Amino acid sequence: MWLTPIAIITLLTSFGACQDFEVINQWNLLDYEFPNYEFASKYRPENSVFTGLEVTEDRIFLATPRLRAGVAATLATIPRRTPPGSSPVLKAYPDWSFHSAGNDNNNCSGLISVYRIRRDSCNRLWVLDSGIMTSIDDFTRVCTPKLLIFNLRTDVVERQVIFPREVIRPSSLFTNLIIDESVQGSCDNAVVYISDTAAPGIIVYDSLKDQAWRFIHPTMFPDPDHSDIEIDSERFSLMDGIVGLAHSPNLRLMYYQPLATDRVFTISTDVLRKGPLAEGEELPVRLAGRKSSQGLGLTVDPRDDSLFFSPLTETSVTSWNPITNQQRLLAFDRKRLQFPAELRWMNHDPDSVWALTTRFQRFFKRTVKNNEVNLRIVRFPLNSVPTFPVSNSVFFK
C-alpha cells in the first residue's frame, strides 16, 4: 500500500521519529507599543504577519512587510527572554521615526516594507527594504529598494546602500538576503545575495566594491503547476518566484527555491561572486532535489551542511544532508507548524533551528480569526533527532 506524505509522517511520529519543539512566543494578532493615537488608529492587526527573524543574545527582531494597508512598524523587537508561549508587545526598531509609512507618510529615508533581516559578524543588522507598499493588493512602489545597516550596540544606521537602476525591474520585490563572509571577508567586505521574487532573479551586492549585478534563470520563476497550496485542508493560490535562500559556506553553494515549486536548486557562490555573465554564457544551475510540497524557509547547518526546509502541506520541518543523503524529521504539527515563513540556524545557538510559523493562508484569504493563535516563534532541538532511510523518504529526493 502506498502511503501519502502525511500518513508516513504520522507513522514516524508515532514511533518517536521526531521531537517536540519549544514555542518561544505566540500571538493571536500582533500588538505594538504605539507612540500616539494617530499611529494606533491606523493599525490593522489582521493585515500584519511577520516573515523575517533574527535573534541576538538579548533581542528578537521581527520583519513585518506591508503586504496590505494598516501595518504599523515593518521592523520591530521583543525581548529575547520572555515566558514560554507569551505574547509580548512589539517595539518599533530602531524607533517610530523610521516607520512613518505606517502613518501614511512615505519617507524614503526610513523603512517602507521589510521582508528579511540578517546580522553579520560585526554585530550589525542588515535590513533589506523592498520599497513596495501593499504588495498583495496594488503593489505600489514608493521608494527605491535599499539596505540599511544598523550597529546593534548603538541602534544607529552605519551605512545605507541604494540599489542601482541596472538591477531593478518595474515589478522588482526584494524579499530575502544572504550575507556571505566566508571568502572575501567579513562585515564591509561581505558579499550579499538577494532574491527578487516578483521579477524573478538574484541580485549580488559586493559590499567591498559597492557594486551590484543581476542574474536570471528559468528555475527562479514560479511553476504554474504548483501555484495551488494546501495547508490543513485549506487551499489558496500564490504565484511567487524565488524567495527561499540558504548558504553553505563549506560547499560554496547557495540553495534557492521559488514558493510555487516542489524543487530546490543550487548555484555556486564562486559563479555569483565573479560578476555578470559574459554574452552567451549560461548560469550553471543544478537541481538539488524535489520536495514533497511547496516551501518557503531554507537554512543550512554549516557544521555538517544539512539543509533544513519545511514542506507546507506536510506542516513539518525536515532536513537533508547532501553528503550522506540522510534525512531527518524534526517536527510535525498540523496546527502549530502552518506556513513556516522563515527557518534560521544561529551561530550562537548551534544546536537548534528557529522558525516563524504564521498561518499566512488565512491572512492572505482574509479569514484570520482574532480568537485563535495565528503567529508563533518556535525552536527545534537538533540533538538526538533520528535519521531515516532514504528508501522511506517522502520529503526530499
Protein backbone atom coordinates (compact mmCIF):
# COMPACT_ATOMS: atom_id res chain seq x y z
CA MET A 1 0.00 0.00 0.00
CA TRP A 2 1.34 3.44 -0.94
CA LEU A 3 1.26 5.99 1.89
CA THR A 4 0.80 9.71 1.47
CA PRO A 5 3.47 12.02 2.97
CA ILE A 6 1.08 12.96 5.80
CA ALA A 7 0.44 9.28 6.55
CA ILE A 8 4.15 8.50 6.66
CA ILE A 9 4.85 11.49 8.91
CA THR A 10 2.10 10.34 11.26
CA LEU A 11 3.60 6.86 11.31
CA LEU A 12 7.09 8.20 12.01
CA THR A 13 5.91 10.46 14.82
CA SER A 14 4.02 7.59 16.43
CA PHE A 15 7.34 5.76 16.75
CA GLY A 16 9.13 8.81 18.16
CA ALA A 17 10.93 9.68 14.94
CA CYS A 18 10.81 13.41 15.78
CA GLN A 19 10.95 15.57 18.86
CA ASP A 20 8.59 18.10 20.31
CA PHE A 21 9.59 21.72 19.93
CA GLU A 22 9.61 24.84 22.05
CA VAL A 23 7.11 27.63 21.45
CA ILE A 24 9.09 30.74 22.33
CA ASN A 25 6.28 33.24 21.73
CA GLN A 26 2.83 33.17 20.20
CA TRP A 27 0.14 35.68 19.28
CA ASN A 28 -3.43 35.69 18.08
CA LEU A 29 -2.59 39.01 16.40
CA LEU A 30 0.38 41.32 16.85
CA ASP A 31 0.30 44.43 19.02
CA TYR A 32 2.74 47.33 19.36
CA GLU A 33 3.88 49.98 21.82
CA PHE A 34 2.38 52.88 19.88
CA PRO A 35 3.80 56.39 20.29
CA ASN A 36 0.44 58.12 19.88
CA TYR A 37 -3.20 57.64 18.96
CA GLU A 38 -2.62 58.58 15.31
CA PHE A 39 -0.35 55.57 14.71
CA ALA A 40 -2.62 53.26 16.72
CA SER A 41 -5.80 54.33 14.95
CA LYS A 42 -4.45 53.33 11.54
CA TYR A 43 -3.20 49.93 12.64
CA ARG A 44 -4.99 46.86 11.22
CA PRO A 45 -3.64 43.76 13.00
CA GLU A 46 -5.47 41.39 10.65
CA ASN A 47 -3.06 42.59 7.91
CA SER A 48 0.14 42.22 9.95
CA VAL A 49 2.10 38.97 9.58
CA PHE A 50 5.83 38.55 10.13
CA THR A 51 8.16 36.97 7.56
CA GLY A 52 11.68 37.70 8.86
CA LEU A 53 13.54 36.67 12.01
CA GLU A 54 16.86 37.49 13.64
CA VAL A 55 17.84 36.51 17.18
CA THR A 56 20.60 38.12 19.24
CA GLU A 57 21.65 37.49 22.82
CA ASP A 58 19.10 39.95 24.20
CA ARG A 59 16.55 40.67 21.47
CA ILE A 60 14.41 39.01 18.82
CA PHE A 61 13.92 41.03 15.63
CA LEU A 62 10.80 40.57 13.51
CA ALA A 63 10.20 41.88 9.99
CA THR A 64 6.58 42.56 9.08
CA PRO A 65 6.21 43.66 5.45
CA ARG A 66 3.44 45.99 4.34
CA LEU A 67 1.52 43.38 2.36
CA ARG A 68 -1.69 45.35 2.84
CA ALA A 69 -2.68 48.68 4.38
CA GLY A 70 -2.55 49.20 8.11
CA VAL A 71 0.84 47.70 9.05
CA ALA A 72 2.30 49.79 11.85
CA ALA A 73 6.06 49.10 12.04
CA THR A 74 7.76 46.97 9.40
CA LEU A 75 10.63 46.07 11.77
CA ALA A 76 10.28 45.50 15.50
CA THR A 77 11.84 43.81 18.51
CA ILE A 78 10.79 41.86 21.56
CA PRO A 79 12.99 40.76 24.48
CA ARG A 80 14.93 37.54 23.98
CA ARG A 81 13.91 36.21 27.39
CA THR A 82 10.17 36.10 27.96
CA PRO A 83 7.90 33.42 29.49
CA PRO A 84 7.45 30.48 27.07
CA GLY A 85 4.42 30.92 24.87
CA SER A 86 3.89 34.54 25.93
CA SER A 87 2.66 37.32 23.64
CA PRO A 88 4.91 40.34 24.19
CA VAL A 89 4.04 43.70 22.70
CA LEU A 90 6.32 44.65 19.81
CA LYS A 91 8.59 47.70 19.91
CA ALA A 92 9.35 49.54 16.65
CA TYR A 93 13.02 49.34 15.64
CA PRO A 94 15.04 51.45 15.99
CA ASP A 95 12.20 53.88 16.78
CA TRP A 96 8.95 55.14 15.28
CA SER A 97 10.66 57.84 13.20
CA PHE A 98 11.73 55.07 10.77
CA HIS A 99 8.14 53.88 10.30
CA SER A 100 6.25 56.95 9.16
CA ALA A 101 4.84 54.87 6.26
CA GLY A 102 2.56 53.35 8.88
CA ASN A 103 1.17 56.85 9.37
CA ASP A 104 0.66 57.48 5.62
CA ASN A 105 3.93 59.38 5.29
CA ASN A 106 6.23 57.58 2.84
CA ASN A 107 9.66 58.87 3.84
CA CYS A 108 12.34 57.09 1.82
CA SER A 109 14.99 57.73 4.46
CA GLY A 110 13.05 55.40 6.76
CA LEU A 111 11.75 51.87 6.25
CA ILE A 112 8.90 51.14 3.84
CA SER A 113 8.48 47.35 3.78
CA VAL A 114 10.94 44.78 5.13
CA TYR A 115 10.70 41.03 4.48
CA ARG A 116 14.04 39.72 5.84
CA ILE A 117 16.91 40.83 8.07
CA ARG A 118 20.35 39.37 8.86
CA ARG A 119 23.07 40.02 11.44
CA ASP A 120 26.71 39.95 10.39
CA SER A 121 29.83 39.02 12.39
CA CYS A 122 30.38 42.68 13.37
CA ASN A 123 27.08 42.72 15.29
CA ARG A 124 25.32 44.79 12.66
CA LEU A 125 21.81 44.23 11.34
CA TRP A 126 21.36 44.30 7.54
CA VAL A 127 17.80 45.37 6.79
CA LEU A 128 16.52 44.81 3.24
CA ASP A 129 13.81 47.36 2.40
CA SER A 130 11.77 46.46 -0.69
CA GLY A 131 10.34 49.97 -1.10
CA ILE A 132 6.94 48.45 -2.02
CA MET A 133 3.68 49.26 -0.25
CA THR A 134 0.62 46.97 -0.21
CA SER A 135 2.35 44.34 -2.34
CA ILE A 136 -0.59 41.92 -2.28
CA ASP A 137 -3.32 44.39 -3.17
CA ASP A 138 -1.93 47.00 -5.57
CA PHE A 139 1.91 46.74 -5.48
CA THR A 140 2.77 50.43 -5.10
CA ARG A 141 6.46 51.35 -5.36
CA VAL A 142 7.15 54.40 -3.23
CA CYS A 143 10.94 54.17 -2.82
CA THR A 144 13.95 52.52 -4.45
CA PRO A 145 14.92 49.27 -2.69
CA LYS A 146 17.80 49.69 -0.27
CA LEU A 147 19.86 48.17 2.51
CA LEU A 148 20.17 49.87 5.88
CA ILE A 149 22.93 48.53 8.14
CA PHE A 150 22.40 49.19 11.86
CA ASN A 151 25.03 48.99 14.57
CA LEU A 152 23.29 46.82 17.16
CA ARG A 153 25.29 48.35 20.02
CA THR A 154 24.01 51.85 19.25
CA ASP A 155 20.96 51.13 17.02
CA VAL A 156 22.26 53.76 14.62
CA VAL A 157 22.50 53.39 10.83
CA GLU A 158 26.15 52.88 9.90
CA ARG A 159 25.65 52.51 6.17
CA GLN A 160 22.98 52.84 3.51
CA VAL A 161 23.02 51.09 0.13
CA ILE A 162 20.68 52.29 -2.63
CA PHE A 163 20.48 49.68 -5.36
CA PRO A 164 21.38 50.92 -8.85
CA ARG A 165 18.76 51.12 -11.58
CA GLU A 166 20.52 48.38 -13.58
CA VAL A 167 19.49 45.62 -11.13
CA ILE A 168 15.89 46.80 -10.57
CA ARG A 169 12.90 45.92 -12.74
CA PRO A 170 9.47 47.64 -12.70
CA SER A 171 7.97 44.72 -10.73
CA SER A 172 11.01 44.00 -8.52
CA LEU A 173 10.28 42.85 -4.98
CA PHE A 174 13.44 42.24 -2.92
CA THR A 175 12.50 39.74 -0.22
CA ASN A 176 15.47 37.80 1.15
CA LEU A 177 19.21 38.09 1.65
CA ILE A 178 22.28 36.01 2.48
CA ILE A 179 25.43 37.63 3.88
CA ASP A 180 28.49 35.70 2.68
CA GLU A 181 31.53 36.43 4.83
CA SER A 182 33.27 33.15 4.02
CA VAL A 183 35.58 34.11 1.15
CA GLN A 184 36.06 37.81 0.51
CA GLY A 185 35.98 38.86 4.15
CA SER A 186 33.60 39.93 6.89
CA CYS A 187 31.50 43.00 7.61
CA ASP A 188 32.04 45.63 4.89
CA ASN A 189 33.95 43.09 2.80
CA ALA A 190 30.97 40.72 2.60
CA VAL A 191 29.05 39.70 -0.50
CA VAL A 192 25.25 39.74 -0.27
CA TYR A 193 22.89 37.56 -2.32
CA ILE A 194 19.34 38.91 -2.66
CA SER A 195 16.16 37.35 -4.05
CA ASP A 196 13.84 39.27 -6.36
CA THR A 197 10.54 37.43 -6.04
CA ALA A 198 8.17 39.29 -8.36
CA ALA A 199 10.66 39.92 -11.20
CA PRO A 200 12.46 36.64 -10.51
CA GLY A 201 16.22 36.88 -10.23
CA ILE A 202 19.23 37.00 -7.89
CA ILE A 203 20.98 40.29 -7.17
CA VAL A 204 24.57 40.13 -5.95
CA TYR A 205 25.94 43.07 -4.00
CA ASP A 206 29.70 43.30 -3.44
CA SER A 207 29.96 45.39 -0.30
CA LEU A 208 33.71 45.95 -0.68
CA LYS A 209 33.44 47.32 -4.21
CA ASP A 210 29.98 48.83 -3.71
CA GLN A 211 28.80 47.20 -6.93
CA ALA A 212 25.73 45.13 -7.78
CA TRP A 213 24.72 42.86 -10.65
CA ARG A 214 21.80 40.62 -11.54
CA PHE A 215 21.26 37.01 -12.63
CA ILE A 216 18.13 35.42 -14.07
CA HIS A 217 17.30 31.79 -14.83
CA PRO A 218 14.06 29.90 -15.62
CA THR A 219 14.36 28.00 -12.32
CA MET A 220 13.82 31.25 -10.41
CA PHE A 221 10.32 31.67 -11.83
CA PRO A 222 7.13 30.21 -10.30
CA ASP A 223 5.76 26.95 -11.71
CA PRO A 224 2.02 27.27 -12.54
CA ASP A 225 1.58 23.57 -11.75
CA HIS A 226 2.48 24.37 -8.12
CA SER A 227 0.61 27.63 -7.63
CA ASP A 228 -2.11 25.96 -5.53
CA ILE A 229 -1.03 25.30 -1.94
CA GLU A 230 -2.92 23.17 0.56
CA ILE A 231 -2.41 23.55 4.33
CA ASP A 232 -4.61 21.70 6.81
CA SER A 233 -7.34 21.24 4.17
CA GLU A 234 -7.24 24.95 3.23
CA ARG A 235 -6.27 25.80 -0.33
CA PHE A 236 -5.04 29.06 -1.81
CA SER A 237 -3.08 30.16 -4.87
CA LEU A 238 0.13 32.18 -4.86
CA MET A 239 2.47 32.56 -7.83
CA ASP A 240 5.64 33.70 -6.05
CA GLY A 241 9.04 33.25 -7.64
CA ILE A 242 12.40 32.82 -5.90
CA VAL A 243 12.22 33.63 -2.20
CA GLY A 244 13.81 30.85 -0.12
CA LEU A 245 17.61 31.19 0.20
CA ALA A 246 20.26 29.29 2.18
CA HIS A 247 24.05 29.33 2.08
CA SER A 248 26.55 26.52 2.59
CA PRO A 249 29.99 28.15 3.11
CA ASN A 250 31.79 24.79 3.14
CA LEU A 251 30.33 23.67 -0.19
CA ARG A 252 30.35 27.21 -1.62
CA LEU A 253 26.75 26.77 -2.68
CA MET A 254 23.61 28.80 -2.42
CA TYR A 255 20.32 26.93 -2.29
CA TYR A 256 17.22 28.64 -3.57
CA GLN A 257 13.57 27.94 -4.28
CA PRO A 258 10.54 29.79 -5.60
CA LEU A 259 7.44 29.41 -3.47
CA ALA A 260 5.46 27.94 -6.37
CA THR A 261 7.58 24.83 -6.97
CA ASP A 262 8.40 21.46 -5.47
CA ARG A 263 12.11 21.83 -6.25
CA VAL A 264 15.25 23.20 -4.61
CA PHE A 265 18.12 24.41 -6.80
CA THR A 266 21.79 25.24 -6.21
CA ILE A 267 24.25 27.66 -7.73
CA SER A 268 27.94 28.04 -6.94
CA THR A 269 28.70 31.19 -4.97
CA ASP A 270 32.00 31.37 -6.87
CA VAL A 271 29.96 31.91 -10.03
CA LEU A 272 27.74 34.51 -8.38
CA ARG A 273 30.67 36.48 -6.97
CA LYS A 274 32.72 36.78 -10.14
CA GLY A 275 30.34 39.23 -11.78
CA PRO A 276 27.81 39.34 -14.60
CA LEU A 277 27.81 36.55 -17.16
CA ALA A 278 29.53 37.08 -20.47
CA GLU A 279 27.32 37.25 -23.54
CA GLY A 280 26.07 33.76 -24.40
CA GLU A 281 27.22 32.30 -21.08
CA GLU A 282 24.66 30.21 -19.18
CA LEU A 283 24.19 30.21 -15.43
CA PRO A 284 25.24 26.73 -14.14
CA VAL A 285 22.18 25.93 -12.01
CA ARG A 286 21.72 22.41 -10.64
CA LEU A 287 18.72 20.63 -9.19
CA ALA A 288 19.35 19.69 -5.56
CA GLY A 289 16.13 17.71 -5.20
CA ARG A 290 12.35 17.63 -5.17
CA LYS A 291 10.28 18.18 -2.05
CA SER A 292 7.00 16.61 -1.05
CA SER A 293 5.27 20.00 -1.45
CA GLN A 294 5.95 23.72 -1.77
CA GLY A 295 8.01 25.54 0.82
CA LEU A 296 9.40 28.91 1.79
CA GLY A 297 12.06 28.86 4.51
CA LEU A 298 15.51 27.30 3.99
CA THR A 299 18.58 27.22 6.20
CA VAL A 300 21.87 25.30 6.43
CA ASP A 301 23.73 23.95 9.45
CA PRO A 302 27.36 24.66 8.36
CA ARG A 303 28.73 22.08 10.80
CA ASP A 304 27.58 19.19 8.60
CA ASP A 305 26.00 21.06 5.63
CA SER A 306 22.49 19.75 6.33
CA LEU A 307 19.74 21.66 4.54
CA PHE A 308 16.58 22.36 6.55
CA PHE A 309 13.27 23.01 4.84
CA SER A 310 9.56 22.89 5.58
CA PRO A 311 7.06 21.23 3.22
CA LEU A 312 3.94 23.36 3.61
CA THR A 313 1.32 20.67 3.02
CA GLU A 314 3.05 18.31 5.47
CA THR A 315 3.24 21.04 8.19
CA SER A 316 6.65 19.73 9.18
CA VAL A 317 10.30 20.75 9.45
CA THR A 318 12.78 18.30 7.96
CA SER A 319 16.41 18.13 6.86
CA TRP A 320 18.51 16.53 4.14
CA ASN A 321 22.26 16.05 4.19
CA PRO A 322 23.75 16.35 0.67
CA ILE A 323 26.87 14.43 1.70
CA THR A 324 25.32 11.41 3.44
CA ASN A 325 21.92 11.64 1.69
CA GLN A 326 20.22 11.09 5.03
CA GLN A 327 17.03 12.82 6.11
CA ARG A 328 15.56 13.78 9.47
CA LEU A 329 12.10 14.76 10.60
CA LEU A 330 12.48 17.45 13.24
CA ALA A 331 8.83 18.11 13.93
CA PHE A 332 5.31 17.64 12.62
CA ASP A 333 2.25 19.51 13.84
CA ARG A 334 -0.86 20.23 11.79
CA LYS A 335 -1.82 23.31 13.82
CA ARG A 336 1.38 24.87 15.15
CA LEU A 337 3.58 24.45 12.06
CA GLN A 338 1.43 26.05 9.41
CA PHE A 339 3.32 28.09 6.79
CA PRO A 340 6.84 28.46 8.26
CA ALA A 341 7.86 31.71 6.59
CA GLU A 342 11.41 31.63 7.94
CA LEU A 343 13.88 28.96 9.12
CA ARG A 344 17.11 30.02 10.82
CA TRP A 345 20.23 28.29 12.12
CA MET A 346 22.08 30.61 14.52
CA ASN A 347 25.81 30.67 15.28
CA HIS A 348 25.16 31.45 18.93
CA ASP A 349 22.56 28.66 19.25
CA PRO A 350 24.07 25.90 17.09
CA ASP A 351 22.03 23.00 18.47
CA SER A 352 18.68 24.44 17.39
CA VAL A 353 16.77 25.65 14.36
CA TRP A 354 14.35 28.56 14.77
CA ALA A 355 11.23 29.24 12.74
CA LEU A 356 8.36 31.66 12.26
CA THR A 357 5.01 29.97 11.66
CA THR A 358 2.21 32.23 10.52
CA ARG A 359 -1.00 30.72 9.14
CA PHE A 360 -0.28 33.00 6.22
CA GLN A 361 -3.02 31.39 4.14
CA ARG A 362 -5.64 32.90 6.46
CA PHE A 363 -4.08 36.36 6.39
CA PHE A 364 -3.94 36.08 2.59
CA LYS A 365 -7.58 34.97 2.27
CA ARG A 366 -8.78 37.45 4.94
CA THR A 367 -10.13 34.61 7.10
CA VAL A 368 -7.83 35.05 10.10
CA LYS A 369 -9.62 34.86 13.48
CA ASN A 370 -8.57 37.00 16.41
CA ASN A 371 -9.58 34.37 18.99
CA GLU A 372 -7.06 31.79 17.73
CA VAL A 373 -3.27 31.62 17.85
CA ASN A 374 -2.03 32.51 14.37
CA LEU A 375 1.62 33.53 14.79
CA ARG A 376 4.46 31.72 16.56
CA ILE A 377 8.21 31.80 17.09
CA VAL A 378 9.35 28.21 17.61
CA ARG A 379 12.64 26.48 18.27
CA PHE A 380 13.59 22.90 17.33
CA PRO A 381 16.35 20.91 19.10
CA LEU A 382 18.83 19.22 16.77
CA ASN A 383 20.35 16.78 19.25
CA SER A 384 19.11 13.18 19.14
CA VAL A 385 16.83 13.66 16.14
CA PRO A 386 16.91 10.28 14.36
CA THR A 387 17.60 9.79 10.68
CA PHE A 388 15.52 7.53 8.49
CA PRO A 389 16.45 5.57 5.36
CA VAL A 390 16.36 7.33 2.01
CA SER A 391 14.23 4.47 0.62
CA ASN A 392 11.47 5.54 3.00
CA SER A 393 11.89 9.28 2.44
CA VAL A 394 8.97 11.33 1.25
CA PHE A 395 10.34 14.80 1.87
CA PHE A 396 13.28 15.22 -0.49
CA LYS A 397 14.50 13.11 -3.39
